[in-house]
Amino acid sequence: MVKEEQPPVLCLKIPDEDDDLEANHQIQKEEEEEDEEGEDDDVEQLRRILCVPCDDVVEQNQRKEETAFIAKGAKRKRGHECDVCEKMFRAPSDLDRHMRTHTKEKPYECDVCEKCFSESGNLKRHMRIHTNEKPYECDVCDKAFRHSCNLQSHMRIHTNEKPYECDVCQKSFRQYGTLQDHMRIHTNEKPYECDVCQKRFTQSSDLKVHMRIHTNQKPYECEVCEKRFSH
């Protein structure tokens, strides 16, 4: 009796873009020795899989809840799971960064002002405040910015792009924050409160101007008579 050949199974290795997944990464399953007493259904089964073209031996855990889609619909195990919220990550370093959202750990400290950050990239961007480094320059007016997002927002001045639209009155804005401020006109929300007289305002800039009533601050001076004004 001729033994029926088992169909090839896709290799778990993620191929390069130029690779043909099915042609170059077919594998043959090693024959599994059956236990004389059989295996318990609850026992997690591992298969050792031999990749023919690359001689790579890998282990595949078949628990369905720990699989993730990869190229061309194949699946593989992904074992970096947050034990707080069960979110999954591809690399241990990604999980480490995520865990700080739960622990509130901020291991990266500015050696100038001692402000702390959860990620090294945030500290690097913060340091530009002290060094006054502005690596992102507008190629139209040569104005420079510390962060790429600020340059992106600035470019809309030149393009007149206004991607954020109010769904009530259809007015459009260059920045999302400006749209949020505008929406308070419709909702009548006033989140900014004066801690002296408890008067409330829709925008923080309005509160700042109002506070000069209490502080008697008058930052604006007439160039002719030198009389000063609060706003």
C-alpha atoms as a PDB file:
ATOM      1  CA  MET A   1       0.000   0.000   0.000  1.00  0.00           C
ATOM      2  CA  VAL A   2       1.415   3.405  -1.048  1.00  0.00           C
ATOM      3  CA  LYS A   3       1.519   5.917   1.762  1.00  0.00           C
ATOM      4  CA  GLU A   4      -0.387   9.076   0.855  1.00  0.00           C
ATOM      5  CA  GLU A   5       1.934  12.074   0.662  1.00  0.00           C
ATOM      6  CA  GLN A   6       1.051  14.842   3.068  1.00  0.00           C
ATOM      7  CA  PRO A   7       0.420  18.227   1.392  1.00  0.00           C
ATOM      8  CA  PRO A   8       3.105  20.873   2.020  1.00  0.00           C
ATOM      9  CA  VAL A   9       2.471  23.524   4.685  1.00  0.00           C
ATOM     10  CA  LEU A  10       3.536  27.164   4.470  1.00  0.00           C
ATOM     11  CA  CYS A  11       6.765  28.012   6.266  1.00  0.00           C
ATOM     12  CA  LEU A  12       6.345  30.364   9.218  1.00  0.00           C
ATOM     13  CA  LYS A  13       9.242  32.538   8.141  1.00  0.00           C
ATOM     14  CA  ILE A  14       8.118  35.942   6.799  1.00  0.00           C
ATOM     15  CA  PRO A  15       9.512  36.192   3.234  1.00  0.00           C
ATOM     16  CA  ASP A  16      11.110  39.148   1.575  1.00  0.00           C
ATOM     17  CA  GLU A  17       9.022  41.076  -0.948  1.00  0.00           C
ATOM     18  CA  ASP A  18      10.910  39.381  -3.817  1.00  0.00           C
ATOM     19  CA  ASP A  19      10.332  35.884  -2.450  1.00  0.00           C
ATOM     20  CA  ASP A  20       7.605  33.634  -3.793  1.00  0.00           C
ATOM     21  CA  LEU A  21       6.022  32.427  -0.557  1.00  0.00           C
ATOM     22  CA  GLU A  22       4.521  29.203  -1.848  1.00  0.00           C
ATOM     23  CA  ALA A  23       7.391  28.232  -4.190  1.00  0.00           C
ATOM     24  CA  ASN A  24      10.351  28.987  -1.916  1.00  0.00           C
ATOM     25  CA  HIS A  25       8.990  28.309   1.538  1.00  0.00           C
ATOM     26  CA  GLN A  26       7.121  25.032   1.439  1.00  0.00           C
ATOM     27  CA  ILE A  27       7.921  22.708   4.268  1.00  0.00           C
ATOM     28  CA  GLN A  28       7.526  19.113   5.145  1.00  0.00           C
ATOM     29  CA  LYS A  29       6.136  18.023   8.476  1.00  0.00           C
ATOM     30  CA  GLU A  30       8.224  15.558  10.410  1.00  0.00           C
ATOM     31  CA  GLU A  31       6.335  12.437  11.306  1.00  0.00           C
ATOM     32  CA  GLU A  32       4.880  12.646  14.777  1.00  0.00           C
ATOM     33  CA  GLU A  33       5.303   9.718  17.092  1.00  0.00           C
ATOM     34  CA  GLU A  34       1.998   8.757  18.578  1.00  0.00           C
ATOM     35  CA  ASP A  35       1.842   8.351  22.303  1.00  0.00           C
ATOM     36  CA  GLU A  36       0.673   4.880  23.258  1.00  0.00           C
ATOM     37  CA  GLU A  37      -1.918   6.294  25.636  1.00  0.00           C
ATOM     38  CA  GLY A  38      -2.806   9.273  23.377  1.00  0.00           C
ATOM     39  CA  GLU A  39      -2.616  12.943  24.325  1.00  0.00           C
ATOM     40  CA  ASP A  40      -4.920  14.936  26.507  1.00  0.00           C
ATOM     41  CA  ASP A  41      -7.062  17.427  24.526  1.00  0.00           C
ATOM     42  CA  ASP A  42      -5.952  20.237  26.840  1.00  0.00           C
ATOM     43  CA  VAL A  43      -2.247  19.591  26.237  1.00  0.00           C
ATOM     44  CA  GLU A  44      -0.693  22.268  24.049  1.00  0.00           C
ATOM     45  CA  GLN A  45       0.734  20.562  20.937  1.00  0.00           C
ATOM     46  CA  LEU A  46       3.931  21.784  19.336  1.00  0.00           C
ATOM     47  CA  ARG A  47       5.059  20.822  15.846  1.00  0.00           C
ATOM     48  CA  ARG A  48       8.652  20.942  14.666  1.00  0.00           C
ATOM     49  CA  ILE A  49       8.623  22.118  11.076  1.00  0.00           C
ATOM     50  CA  LEU A  50      11.529  21.846   8.642  1.00  0.00           C
ATOM     51  CA  CYS A  51      11.848  24.582   6.023  1.00  0.00           C
ATOM     52  CA  VAL A  52      13.268  22.862   2.923  1.00  0.00           C
ATOM     53  CA  PRO A  53      14.911  25.821   1.079  1.00  0.00           C
ATOM     54  CA  CYS A  54      16.373  27.590   4.082  1.00  0.00           C
ATOM     55  CA  ASP A  55      17.043  24.630   6.443  1.00  0.00           C
ATOM     56  CA  ASP A  56      15.380  26.564   9.200  1.00  0.00           C
ATOM     57  CA  VAL A  57      13.780  24.593  12.003  1.00  0.00           C
ATOM     58  CA  VAL A  58      11.028  26.423  13.823  1.00  0.00           C
ATOM     59  CA  GLU A  59       8.436  25.604  16.419  1.00  0.00           C
ATOM     60  CA  GLN A  60       4.797  26.503  15.952  1.00  0.00           C
ATOM     61  CA  ASN A  61       2.403  26.888  18.821  1.00  0.00           C
ATOM     62  CA  GLN A  62      -1.103  26.150  17.606  1.00  0.00           C
ATOM     63  CA  ARG A  63      -3.103  28.055  20.211  1.00  0.00           C
ATOM     64  CA  LYS A  64      -5.616  30.012  18.120  1.00  0.00           C
ATOM     65  CA  GLU A  65      -5.807  33.001  20.404  1.00  0.00           C
ATOM     66  CA  GLU A  66      -2.092  33.748  19.958  1.00  0.00           C
ATOM     67  CA  THR A  67      -1.983  33.875  16.164  1.00  0.00           C
ATOM     68  CA  ALA A  68      -1.607  36.892  13.932  1.00  0.00           C
ATOM     69  CA  PHE A  69      -1.988  37.333  10.176  1.00  0.00           C
ATOM     70  CA  ILE A  70       1.175  37.668   8.094  1.00  0.00           C
ATOM     71  CA  ALA A  71       1.940  37.669   4.359  1.00  0.00           C
ATOM     72  CA  LYS A  72      -0.671  36.090   2.078  1.00  0.00           C
ATOM     73  CA  GLY A  73      -2.973  35.087   4.882  1.00  0.00           C
ATOM     74  CA  ALA A  74      -0.650  32.637   6.639  1.00  0.00           C
ATOM     75  CA  LYS A  75      -0.606  32.682  10.435  1.00  0.00           C
ATOM     76  CA  ARG A  76       2.039  32.386  13.096  1.00  0.00           C
ATOM     77  CA  LYS A  77       2.316  32.618  16.856  1.00  0.00           C
ATOM     78  CA  ARG A  78       2.795  36.018  18.437  1.00  0.00           C
ATOM     79  CA  GLY A  79       3.684  35.703  22.101  1.00  0.00           C
ATOM     80  CA  HIS A  80       4.271  39.271  23.329  1.00  0.00           C
ATOM     81  CA  GLU A  81       1.045  40.022  25.152  1.00  0.00           C
ATOM     82  CA  CYS A  82       0.317  42.675  27.771  1.00  0.00           C
ATOM     83  CA  ASP A  83      -0.868  40.896  30.920  1.00  0.00           C
ATOM     84  CA  VAL A  84      -2.927  43.957  31.903  1.00  0.00           C
ATOM     85  CA  CYS A  85      -5.001  44.736  28.794  1.00  0.00           C
ATOM     86  CA  GLU A  86      -4.114  41.701  26.603  1.00  0.00           C
ATOM     87  CA  LYS A  87      -2.918  43.884  23.720  1.00  0.00           C
ATOM     88  CA  MET A  88      -0.468  42.032  21.482  1.00  0.00           C
ATOM     89  CA  PHE A  89       2.925  43.233  20.181  1.00  0.00           C
ATOM     90  CA  ARG A  90       5.406  41.982  17.597  1.00  0.00           C
ATOM     91  CA  ALA A  91       8.567  42.621  19.621  1.00  0.00           C
ATOM     92  CA  PRO A  92       9.460  42.569  23.345  1.00  0.00           C
ATOM     93  CA  SER A  93      10.687  46.182  23.100  1.00  0.00           C
ATOM     94  CA  ASP A  94       7.236  47.282  21.881  1.00  0.00           C
ATOM     95  CA  LEU A  95       5.644  45.552  24.859  1.00  0.00           C
ATOM     96  CA  ASP A  96       8.129  47.207  27.232  1.00  0.00           C
ATOM     97  CA  ARG A  97       7.188  50.656  25.933  1.00  0.00           C
ATOM     98  CA  HIS A  98       3.488  49.862  26.177  1.00  0.00           C
ATOM     99  CA  MET A  99       3.767  48.654  29.780  1.00  0.00           C
ATOM    100  CA  ARG A 100       4.826  52.148  30.834  1.00  0.00           C
ATOM    101  CA  THR A 101       1.307  53.366  30.021  1.00  0.00           C
ATOM    102  CA  HIS A 102       0.137  51.146  32.883  1.00  0.00           C
ATOM    103  CA  THR A 103       3.036  51.623  35.303  1.00  0.00           C
ATOM    104  CA  LYS A 104       3.469  55.374  34.583  1.00  0.00           C
ATOM    105  CA  GLU A 105       7.222  54.739  34.571  1.00  0.00           C
ATOM    106  CA  LYS A 106       9.282  57.540  33.034  1.00  0.00           C
ATOM    107  CA  PRO A 107      12.910  56.375  32.917  1.00  0.00           C
ATOM    108  CA  TYR A 108      14.239  59.063  30.558  1.00  0.00           C
ATOM    109  CA  GLU A 109      15.157  62.269  32.378  1.00  0.00           C
ATOM    110  CA  CYS A 110      16.236  65.612  30.961  1.00  0.00           C
ATOM    111  CA  ASP A 111      19.611  66.533  32.482  1.00  0.00           C
ATOM    112  CA  VAL A 112      18.766  70.253  32.190  1.00  0.00           C
ATOM    113  CA  CYS A 113      15.314  70.621  33.763  1.00  0.00           C
ATOM    114  CA  GLU A 114      14.867  67.076  35.184  1.00  0.00           C
ATOM    115  CA  LYS A 115      11.577  66.537  33.365  1.00  0.00           C
ATOM    116  CA  CYS A 116      10.966  62.824  32.783  1.00  0.00           C
ATOM    117  CA  PHE A 117       9.573  60.933  29.812  1.00  0.00           C
ATOM    118  CA  SER A 118       8.344  57.418  29.124  1.00  0.00           C
ATOM    119  CA  GLU A 119      10.153  57.135  25.771  1.00  0.00           C
ATOM    120  CA  SER A 120      13.616  58.177  24.631  1.00  0.00           C
ATOM    121  CA  GLY A 121      12.203  59.787  21.472  1.00  0.00           C
ATOM    122  CA  ASN A 122      10.100  62.162  23.554  1.00  0.00           C
ATOM    123  CA  LEU A 123      13.163  63.195  25.546  1.00  0.00           C
ATOM    124  CA  LYS A 124      15.093  63.801  22.314  1.00  0.00           C
ATOM    125  CA  ARG A 125      12.347  66.102  21.012  1.00  0.00           C
ATOM    126  CA  HIS A 126      12.126  67.883  24.389  1.00  0.00           C
ATOM    127  CA  MET A 127      15.866  68.653  24.372  1.00  0.00           C
ATOM    128  CA  ARG A 128      15.329  70.935  21.357  1.00  0.00           C
ATOM    129  CA  ILE A 129      13.669  73.403  23.743  1.00  0.00           C
ATOM    130  CA  HIS A 130      16.999  73.820  25.546  1.00  0.00           C
ATOM    131  CA  THR A 131      19.250  73.647  22.456  1.00  0.00           C
ATOM    132  CA  ASN A 132      16.853  75.734  20.318  1.00  0.00           C
ATOM    133  CA  GLU A 133      17.443  73.222  17.539  1.00  0.00           C
ATOM    134  CA  LYS A 134      14.886  73.539  14.730  1.00  0.00           C
ATOM    135  CA  PRO A 135      15.676  70.867  12.147  1.00  0.00           C
ATOM    136  CA  TYR A 136      12.441  71.122  10.164  1.00  0.00           C
ATOM    137  CA  GLU A 137      12.503  74.042   7.721  1.00  0.00           C
ATOM    138  CA  CYS A 138       9.765  75.312   5.417  1.00  0.00           C
ATOM    139  CA  ASP A 139      11.006  75.296   1.814  1.00  0.00           C
ATOM    140  CA  VAL A 140       8.726  78.232   0.957  1.00  0.00           C
ATOM    141  CA  CYS A 141       9.474  80.861   3.612  1.00  0.00           C
ATOM    142  CA  ASP A 142      12.472  79.254   5.399  1.00  0.00           C
ATOM    143  CA  LYS A 143      10.746  79.317   8.781  1.00  0.00           C
ATOM    144  CA  ALA A 144      12.081  76.491  10.991  1.00  0.00           C
ATOM    145  CA  PHE A 145      10.383  74.278  13.569  1.00  0.00           C
ATOM    146  CA  ARG A 146      11.382  71.907  16.324  1.00  0.00           C
ATOM    147  CA  HIS A 147       8.904  69.188  15.349  1.00  0.00           C
ATOM    148  CA  SER A 148       7.813  67.793  11.995  1.00  0.00           C
ATOM    149  CA  CYS A 149       4.121  68.072  12.965  1.00  0.00           C
ATOM    150  CA  ASN A 150       4.548  71.846  13.425  1.00  0.00           C
ATOM    151  CA  LEU A 151       6.034  72.137   9.954  1.00  0.00           C
ATOM    152  CA  GLN A 152       3.180  70.085   8.541  1.00  0.00           C
ATOM    153  CA  SER A 153       0.627  72.425  10.132  1.00  0.00           C
ATOM    154  CA  HIS A 154       2.565  75.493   8.954  1.00  0.00           C
ATOM    155  CA  MET A 155       2.608  74.314   5.333  1.00  0.00           C
ATOM    156  CA  ARG A 156      -1.189  74.621   5.236  1.00  0.00           C
ATOM    157  CA  ILE A 157      -0.733  78.415   5.388  1.00  0.00           C
ATOM    158  CA  HIS A 158       0.940  78.222   1.983  1.00  0.00           C
ATOM    159  CA  THR A 159      -1.359  75.568   0.500  1.00  0.00           C
ATOM    160  CA  ASN A 160      -4.501  76.999   2.140  1.00  0.00           C
ATOM    161  CA  GLU A 161      -5.442  73.431   3.026  1.00  0.00           C
ATOM    162  CA  LYS A 162      -8.107  73.163   5.723  1.00  0.00           C
ATOM    163  CA  PRO A 163      -8.719  69.471   6.351  1.00  0.00           C
ATOM    164  CA  TYR A 164     -10.692  69.783   9.596  1.00  0.00           C
ATOM    165  CA  GLU A 165     -14.365  70.608   9.033  1.00  0.00           C
ATOM    166  CA  CYS A 166     -17.069  71.373  11.590  1.00  0.00           C
ATOM    167  CA  ASP A 167     -19.929  68.895  11.108  1.00  0.00           C
ATOM    168  CA  VAL A 168     -22.420  71.491  12.380  1.00  0.00           C
ATOM    169  CA  CYS A 169     -21.700  74.590  10.272  1.00  0.00           C
ATOM    170  CA  GLN A 170     -19.160  73.159   7.766  1.00  0.00           C
ATOM    171  CA  LYS A 171     -16.535  75.757   8.616  1.00  0.00           C
ATOM    172  CA  SER A 172     -13.039  74.393   7.954  1.00  0.00           C
ATOM    173  CA  PHE A 173      -9.771  74.800   9.843  1.00  0.00           C
ATOM    174  CA  ARG A 174      -6.078  74.163   9.292  1.00  0.00           C
ATOM    175  CA  GLN A 175      -5.524  72.563  12.681  1.00  0.00           C
ATOM    176  CA  TYR A 176      -7.511  70.025  14.661  1.00  0.00           C
ATOM    177  CA  GLY A 177      -7.079  71.994  17.891  1.00  0.00           C
ATOM    178  CA  THR A 178      -8.695  75.032  16.286  1.00  0.00           C
ATOM    179  CA  LEU A 179     -11.674  72.893  15.305  1.00  0.00           C
ATOM    180  CA  GLN A 180     -11.979  71.686  18.893  1.00  0.00           C
ATOM    181  CA  ASP A 181     -12.016  75.290  20.140  1.00  0.00           C
ATOM    182  CA  HIS A 182     -14.619  76.188  17.520  1.00  0.00           C
ATOM    183  CA  MET A 183     -16.934  73.311  18.497  1.00  0.00           C
ATOM    184  CA  ARG A 184     -17.431  74.904  21.914  1.00  0.00           C
ATOM    185  CA  ILE A 185     -19.419  77.649  20.205  1.00  0.00           C
ATOM    186  CA  HIS A 186     -22.008  75.013  19.344  1.00  0.00           C
ATOM    187  CA  THR A 187     -21.796  73.033  22.594  1.00  0.00           C
ATOM    188  CA  ASN A 188     -21.427  76.096  24.855  1.00  0.00           C
ATOM    189  CA  GLU A 189     -18.701  74.235  26.724  1.00  0.00           C
ATOM    190  CA  LYS A 190     -16.471  76.472  28.837  1.00  0.00           C
ATOM    191  CA  PRO A 191     -13.685  74.362  30.313  1.00  0.00           C
ATOM    192  CA  TYR A 192     -11.379  77.239  31.336  1.00  0.00           C
ATOM    193  CA  GLU A 193     -12.263  78.783  34.694  1.00  0.00           C
ATOM    194  CA  CYS A 194     -10.749  81.779  36.450  1.00  0.00           C
ATOM    195  CA  ASP A 195      -9.561  80.674  39.894  1.00  0.00           C
ATOM    196  CA  VAL A 196     -10.218  84.169  41.279  1.00  0.00           C
ATOM    197  CA  CYS A 197     -13.790  84.969  40.210  1.00  0.00           C
ATOM    198  CA  GLN A 198     -14.848  81.609  38.708  1.00  0.00           C
ATOM    199  CA  LYS A 199     -15.799  83.129  35.369  1.00  0.00           C
ATOM    200  CA  ARG A 200     -15.556  80.532  32.615  1.00  0.00           C
ATOM    201  CA  PHE A 201     -14.290  80.709  29.034  1.00  0.00           C
ATOM    202  CA  THR A 202     -14.377  78.592  25.898  1.00  0.00           C
ATOM    203  CA  GLN A 203     -10.705  79.174  25.075  1.00  0.00           C
ATOM    204  CA  SER A 204      -7.564  79.319  27.185  1.00  0.00           C
ATOM    205  CA  SER A 205      -6.442  82.527  25.415  1.00  0.00           C
ATOM    206  CA  ASP A 206      -9.601  84.276  26.615  1.00  0.00           C
ATOM    207  CA  LEU A 207      -8.880  83.228  30.186  1.00  0.00           C
ATOM    208  CA  LYS A 208      -5.306  84.500  29.866  1.00  0.00           C
ATOM    209  CA  VAL A 209      -6.538  87.943  28.770  1.00  0.00           C
ATOM    210  CA  HIS A 210      -9.156  87.956  31.536  1.00  0.00           C
ATOM    211  CA  MET A 211      -6.569  87.235  34.239  1.00  0.00           C
ATOM    212  CA  ARG A 212      -4.949  90.618  33.553  1.00  0.00           C
ATOM    213  CA  ILE A 213      -7.970  92.229  35.213  1.00  0.00           C
ATOM    214  CA  HIS A 214      -6.913  90.627  38.485  1.00  0.00           C
ATOM    215  CA  THR A 215      -3.150  90.979  38.030  1.00  0.00           C
ATOM    216  CA  ASN A 216      -3.365  94.506  36.546  1.00  0.00           C
ATOM    217  CA  GLN A 217      -0.872  93.370  33.930  1.00  0.00           C
ATOM    218  CA  LYS A 218      -0.674  95.689  30.892  1.00  0.00           C
ATOM    219  CA  PRO A 219       1.752  94.243  28.380  1.00  0.00           C
ATOM    220  CA  TYR A 220       0.826  96.476  25.441  1.00  0.00           C
ATOM    221  CA  GLU A 221       2.304  99.976  25.288  1.00  0.00           C
ATOM    222  CA  CYS A 222       1.509 102.858  22.943  1.00  0.00           C
ATOM    223  CA  GLU A 223       4.639 103.898  21.050  1.00  0.00           C
ATOM    224  CA  VAL A 224       3.514 107.557  21.028  1.00  0.00           C
ATOM    225  CA  CYS A 225       2.298 108.323  24.555  1.00  0.00           C
ATOM    226  CA  GLU A 226       3.574 105.191  26.339  1.00  0.00           C
ATOM    227  CA  LYS A 227       0.141 104.478  27.813  1.00  0.00           C
ATOM    228  CA  ARG A 228      -0.230 100.749  28.591  1.00  0.00           C
ATOM    229  CA  PHE A 229      -3.118  98.376  27.995  1.00  0.00           C
ATOM    230  CA  SER A 230      -4.127  94.875  29.096  1.00  0.00           C
ATOM    231  CA  HIS A 231      -5.299  93.806  25.636  1.00  0.00           C
END
